[in-house]
Amino acid sequence: MAGQNVKRINAQQRRYRILQMTLAGATQRQIAETEGISHGLVSKDLQIVLGELAKQNTGNADEVRVLQNERYKAAALRLWEDAMRGDLKAMELLLKVWDKINIINGIIPDKPLISMELQQNTLNYNEAPVTFRIETANDNSDANLPTPDSLS
């Protein structure tokens, strides 16, 4: 029983050393060499210690979120009457406060969920690029439209 406790304590100490080395900028390969263990064990230990820290700090994050919510609500209440009277500066600040409330509560993500990027795609046929160009569209011309007879 005492031997298992010593192993558990040693593993925990190793995990926190791994965490400290990671925070200091060491690579997992460097940490594995320093600790004399496999790269896989470094990765596993790091995952374990970060998971433990996340569980310990979940309550702290909730407490901070509640505190921030109350602060933002107080600020919003102070701005509300001026904003309703038409004060543009108060309206602007109130909208910013509401955005902050939505962000800390996860309603609005801090980063866009989808990145919209337009790009031009090219098609290469026999190693030569093929491009298409539409010069004009004539909505008044029925000459090129299919007739019901041509569809059957």
C-alpha atoms as a PDB file:
ATOM      1  CA  MET A   1       0.000   0.000   0.000  1.00  0.00           C
ATOM      2  CA  ALA A   2       2.798   2.422   0.921  1.00  0.00           C
ATOM      3  CA  GLY A   3       4.598   1.547  -2.328  1.00  0.00           C
ATOM      4  CA  GLN A   4       1.547   2.499  -4.375  1.00  0.00           C
ATOM      5  CA  ASN A   5       1.249   5.825  -2.585  1.00  0.00           C
ATOM      6  CA  VAL A   6       4.909   6.580  -3.315  1.00  0.00           C
ATOM      7  CA  LYS A   7       4.358   5.755  -7.018  1.00  0.00           C
ATOM      8  CA  ARG A   8       1.251   7.958  -7.128  1.00  0.00           C
ATOM      9  CA  ILE A   9       3.077  10.850  -5.445  1.00  0.00           C
ATOM     10  CA  ASN A  10       6.062  10.468  -7.791  1.00  0.00           C
ATOM     11  CA  ALA A  11       3.752  10.442 -10.830  1.00  0.00           C
ATOM     12  CA  GLN A  12       1.970  13.561  -9.602  1.00  0.00           C
ATOM     13  CA  GLN A  13       5.265  15.355  -8.990  1.00  0.00           C
ATOM     14  CA  ARG A  14       6.448  14.344 -12.493  1.00  0.00           C
ATOM     15  CA  ARG A  15       3.220  15.707 -14.012  1.00  0.00           C
ATOM     16  CA  TYR A  16       3.718  19.082 -12.367  1.00  0.00           C
ATOM     17  CA  ARG A  17       7.374  19.169 -13.470  1.00  0.00           C
ATOM     18  CA  ILE A  18       6.161  18.433 -17.007  1.00  0.00           C
ATOM     19  CA  LEU A  19       3.632  21.247 -16.707  1.00  0.00           C
ATOM     20  CA  GLN A  20       6.316  23.676 -15.494  1.00  0.00           C
ATOM     21  CA  MET A  21       8.666  22.706 -18.331  1.00  0.00           C
ATOM     22  CA  THR A  22       5.830  23.105 -20.848  1.00  0.00           C
ATOM     23  CA  LEU A  23       5.004  26.550 -19.470  1.00  0.00           C
ATOM     24  CA  ALA A  24       8.688  27.434 -19.745  1.00  0.00           C
ATOM     25  CA  GLY A  25       8.570  26.564 -23.461  1.00  0.00           C
ATOM     26  CA  ALA A  26      10.153  23.103 -23.584  1.00  0.00           C
ATOM     27  CA  THR A  27       8.964  20.711 -26.274  1.00  0.00           C
ATOM     28  CA  GLN A  28       7.520  17.346 -25.343  1.00  0.00           C
ATOM     29  CA  ARG A  29      10.573  15.695 -26.847  1.00  0.00           C
ATOM     30  CA  GLN A  30      12.888  17.772 -24.626  1.00  0.00           C
ATOM     31  CA  ILE A  31      10.754  17.001 -21.586  1.00  0.00           C
ATOM     32  CA  ALA A  32      10.837  13.268 -22.375  1.00  0.00           C
ATOM     33  CA  GLU A  33      14.626  13.356 -22.561  1.00  0.00           C
ATOM     34  CA  THR A  34      14.927  15.358 -19.327  1.00  0.00           C
ATOM     35  CA  GLU A  35      12.551  13.074 -17.415  1.00  0.00           C
ATOM     36  CA  GLY A  36      13.840   9.882 -19.026  1.00  0.00           C
ATOM     37  CA  ILE A  37      10.353   8.820 -20.147  1.00  0.00           C
ATOM     38  CA  SER A  38       8.596   8.316 -23.474  1.00  0.00           C
ATOM     39  CA  HIS A  39       7.105  11.110 -25.530  1.00  0.00           C
ATOM     40  CA  GLY A  40       3.704   9.394 -25.182  1.00  0.00           C
ATOM     41  CA  LEU A  41       3.906   9.449 -21.372  1.00  0.00           C
ATOM     42  CA  VAL A  42       4.759  13.158 -21.446  1.00  0.00           C
ATOM     43  CA  SER A  43       1.683  13.790 -23.562  1.00  0.00           C
ATOM     44  CA  LYS A  44      -0.520  11.621 -21.321  1.00  0.00           C
ATOM     45  CA  ASP A  45       0.806  13.221 -18.100  1.00  0.00           C
ATOM     46  CA  LEU A  46       0.286  16.700 -19.506  1.00  0.00           C
ATOM     47  CA  GLN A  47      -3.281  15.818 -20.450  1.00  0.00           C
ATOM     48  CA  ILE A  48      -3.933  14.458 -16.936  1.00  0.00           C
ATOM     49  CA  VAL A  49      -2.505  17.476 -15.079  1.00  0.00           C
ATOM     50  CA  LEU A  50      -4.329  19.965 -17.313  1.00  0.00           C
ATOM     51  CA  GLY A  51      -7.566  18.037 -16.814  1.00  0.00           C
ATOM     52  CA  GLU A  52      -7.103  18.136 -13.027  1.00  0.00           C
ATOM     53  CA  LEU A  53      -6.415  21.864 -13.092  1.00  0.00           C
ATOM     54  CA  ALA A  54      -9.471  22.472 -15.271  1.00  0.00           C
ATOM     55  CA  LYS A  55     -11.684  20.588 -12.787  1.00  0.00           C
ATOM     56  CA  GLN A  56     -10.234  22.566  -9.867  1.00  0.00           C
ATOM     57  CA  ASN A  57     -10.789  25.905 -11.597  1.00  0.00           C
ATOM     58  CA  THR A  58     -14.262  25.294 -12.997  1.00  0.00           C
ATOM     59  CA  GLY A  59     -15.858  26.701  -9.852  1.00  0.00           C
ATOM     60  CA  ASN A  60     -13.523  29.691  -9.910  1.00  0.00           C
ATOM     61  CA  ALA A  61     -14.511  30.500 -13.482  1.00  0.00           C
ATOM     62  CA  ASP A  62     -18.200  30.334 -12.545  1.00  0.00           C
ATOM     63  CA  GLU A  63     -17.626  32.686  -9.607  1.00  0.00           C
ATOM     64  CA  VAL A  64     -15.752  35.171 -11.781  1.00  0.00           C
ATOM     65  CA  ARG A  65     -18.490  34.966 -14.429  1.00  0.00           C
ATOM     66  CA  VAL A  66     -21.191  35.711 -11.828  1.00  0.00           C
ATOM     67  CA  LEU A  67     -19.187  38.646 -10.457  1.00  0.00           C
ATOM     68  CA  GLN A  68     -18.618  40.061 -13.944  1.00  0.00           C
ATOM     69  CA  ASN A  69     -22.318  39.643 -14.778  1.00  0.00           C
ATOM     70  CA  GLU A  70     -23.300  41.637 -11.705  1.00  0.00           C
ATOM     71  CA  ARG A  71     -20.820  44.385 -12.550  1.00  0.00           C
ATOM     72  CA  TYR A  72     -22.063  44.631 -16.129  1.00  0.00           C
ATOM     73  CA  LYS A  73     -25.709  44.622 -14.984  1.00  0.00           C
ATOM     74  CA  ALA A  74     -24.977  47.526 -12.612  1.00  0.00           C
ATOM     75  CA  ALA A  75     -23.297  49.445 -15.434  1.00  0.00           C
ATOM     76  CA  ALA A  76     -26.228  48.719 -17.762  1.00  0.00           C
ATOM     77  CA  LEU A  77     -28.719  49.999 -15.184  1.00  0.00           C
ATOM     78  CA  ARG A  78     -26.786  53.264 -14.841  1.00  0.00           C
ATOM     79  CA  LEU A  79     -26.783  53.736 -18.627  1.00  0.00           C
ATOM     80  CA  TRP A  80     -30.384  52.641 -19.258  1.00  0.00           C
ATOM     81  CA  GLU A  81     -32.253  55.882 -18.465  1.00  0.00           C
ATOM     82  CA  ASP A  82     -29.858  58.090 -20.427  1.00  0.00           C
ATOM     83  CA  ALA A  83     -30.008  55.702 -23.376  1.00  0.00           C
ATOM     84  CA  MET A  84     -33.821  55.709 -23.295  1.00  0.00           C
ATOM     85  CA  ARG A  85     -33.765  59.533 -23.320  1.00  0.00           C
ATOM     86  CA  GLY A  86     -31.820  59.403 -26.578  1.00  0.00           C
ATOM     87  CA  ASP A  87     -28.273  59.955 -25.340  1.00  0.00           C
ATOM     88  CA  LEU A  88     -26.264  58.402 -28.182  1.00  0.00           C
ATOM     89  CA  LYS A  89     -23.119  57.928 -26.097  1.00  0.00           C
ATOM     90  CA  ALA A  90     -25.129  56.092 -23.413  1.00  0.00           C
ATOM     91  CA  MET A  91     -26.751  53.912 -26.112  1.00  0.00           C
ATOM     92  CA  GLU A  92     -23.350  53.034 -27.546  1.00  0.00           C
ATOM     93  CA  LEU A  93     -21.945  52.151 -24.122  1.00  0.00           C
ATOM     94  CA  LEU A  94     -25.067  50.146 -23.205  1.00  0.00           C
ATOM     95  CA  LEU A  95     -24.744  48.062 -26.375  1.00  0.00           C
ATOM     96  CA  LYS A  96     -21.077  47.396 -25.550  1.00  0.00           C
ATOM     97  CA  VAL A  97     -22.017  46.302 -22.019  1.00  0.00           C
ATOM     98  CA  TRP A  98     -24.692  43.962 -23.394  1.00  0.00           C
ATOM     99  CA  ASP A  99     -22.149  42.507 -25.834  1.00  0.00           C
ATOM    100  CA  LYS A 100     -19.780  41.811 -22.926  1.00  0.00           C
ATOM    101  CA  ILE A 101     -22.576  40.122 -20.976  1.00  0.00           C
ATOM    102  CA  ASN A 102     -23.379  37.948 -23.991  1.00  0.00           C
ATOM    103  CA  ILE A 103     -19.724  37.035 -24.526  1.00  0.00           C
ATOM    104  CA  ILE A 104     -19.022  35.986 -20.922  1.00  0.00           C
ATOM    105  CA  ASN A 105     -22.197  33.899 -20.931  1.00  0.00           C
ATOM    106  CA  GLY A 106     -21.253  32.176 -24.185  1.00  0.00           C
ATOM    107  CA  ILE A 107     -24.106  33.633 -26.219  1.00  0.00           C
ATOM    108  CA  ILE A 108     -21.756  35.459 -28.592  1.00  0.00           C
ATOM    109  CA  PRO A 109     -18.439  33.703 -29.273  1.00  0.00           C
ATOM    110  CA  ASP A 110     -15.258  35.727 -28.832  1.00  0.00           C
ATOM    111  CA  LYS A 111     -14.195  34.651 -32.344  1.00  0.00           C
ATOM    112  CA  PRO A 112     -16.329  34.089 -35.461  1.00  0.00           C
ATOM    113  CA  LEU A 113     -17.524  30.500 -35.751  1.00  0.00           C
ATOM    114  CA  ILE A 114     -17.211  30.582 -39.544  1.00  0.00           C
ATOM    115  CA  SER A 115     -14.557  32.405 -41.503  1.00  0.00           C
ATOM    116  CA  MET A 116     -15.902  33.631 -44.824  1.00  0.00           C
ATOM    117  CA  GLU A 117     -13.158  33.909 -47.382  1.00  0.00           C
ATOM    118  CA  LEU A 118     -13.782  34.344 -51.055  1.00  0.00           C
ATOM    119  CA  GLN A 119     -11.251  32.922 -53.379  1.00  0.00           C
ATOM    120  CA  GLN A 120     -10.981  32.374 -57.091  1.00  0.00           C
ATOM    121  CA  ASN A 121     -10.692  28.763 -58.100  1.00  0.00           C
ATOM    122  CA  THR A 122      -9.033  27.783 -61.330  1.00  0.00           C
ATOM    123  CA  LEU A 123      -9.472  24.649 -63.319  1.00  0.00           C
ATOM    124  CA  ASN A 124      -6.404  23.225 -65.013  1.00  0.00           C
ATOM    125  CA  TYR A 125      -7.036  21.241 -68.155  1.00  0.00           C
ATOM    126  CA  ASN A 126      -3.994  19.701 -69.816  1.00  0.00           C
ATOM    127  CA  GLU A 127      -1.734  21.849 -67.612  1.00  0.00           C
ATOM    128  CA  ALA A 128      -3.260  25.049 -68.993  1.00  0.00           C
ATOM    129  CA  PRO A 129      -5.592  27.108 -66.808  1.00  0.00           C
ATOM    130  CA  VAL A 130      -9.152  27.472 -68.009  1.00  0.00           C
ATOM    131  CA  THR A 131     -11.025  30.640 -67.154  1.00  0.00           C
ATOM    132  CA  PHE A 132     -14.602  31.609 -67.713  1.00  0.00           C
ATOM    133  CA  ARG A 133     -15.896  35.093 -68.320  1.00  0.00           C
ATOM    134  CA  ILE A 134     -19.488  36.252 -68.447  1.00  0.00           C
ATOM    135  CA  GLU A 135     -19.619  39.417 -70.464  1.00  0.00           C
ATOM    136  CA  THR A 136     -23.263  40.429 -70.288  1.00  0.00           C
ATOM    137  CA  ALA A 137     -26.596  39.038 -69.358  1.00  0.00           C
ATOM    138  CA  ASN A 138     -29.614  39.996 -71.411  1.00  0.00           C
ATOM    139  CA  ASP A 139     -32.773  39.400 -69.416  1.00  0.00           C
ATOM    140  CA  ASN A 140     -34.960  40.662 -72.258  1.00  0.00           C
ATOM    141  CA  SER A 141     -33.936  38.027 -74.740  1.00  0.00           C
ATOM    142  CA  ASP A 142     -36.008  34.850 -74.895  1.00  0.00           C
ATOM    143  CA  ALA A 143     -34.016  33.515 -77.841  1.00  0.00           C
ATOM    144  CA  ASN A 144     -31.833  31.207 -75.776  1.00  0.00           C
ATOM    145  CA  LEU A 145     -34.551  29.879 -73.453  1.00  0.00           C
ATOM    146  CA  PRO A 146     -35.684  26.290 -73.944  1.00  0.00           C
ATOM    147  CA  THR A 147     -39.197  25.743 -75.214  1.00  0.00           C
ATOM    148  CA  PRO A 148     -41.556  23.196 -73.655  1.00  0.00           C
ATOM    149  CA  ASP A 149     -41.174  21.026 -76.781  1.00  0.00           C
ATOM    150  CA  SER A 150     -37.373  20.991 -76.480  1.00  0.00           C
ATOM    151  CA  LEU A 151     -37.510  19.718 -72.900  1.00  0.00           C
ATOM    152  CA  SER A 152     -39.335  16.509 -73.747  1.00  0.00           C
END
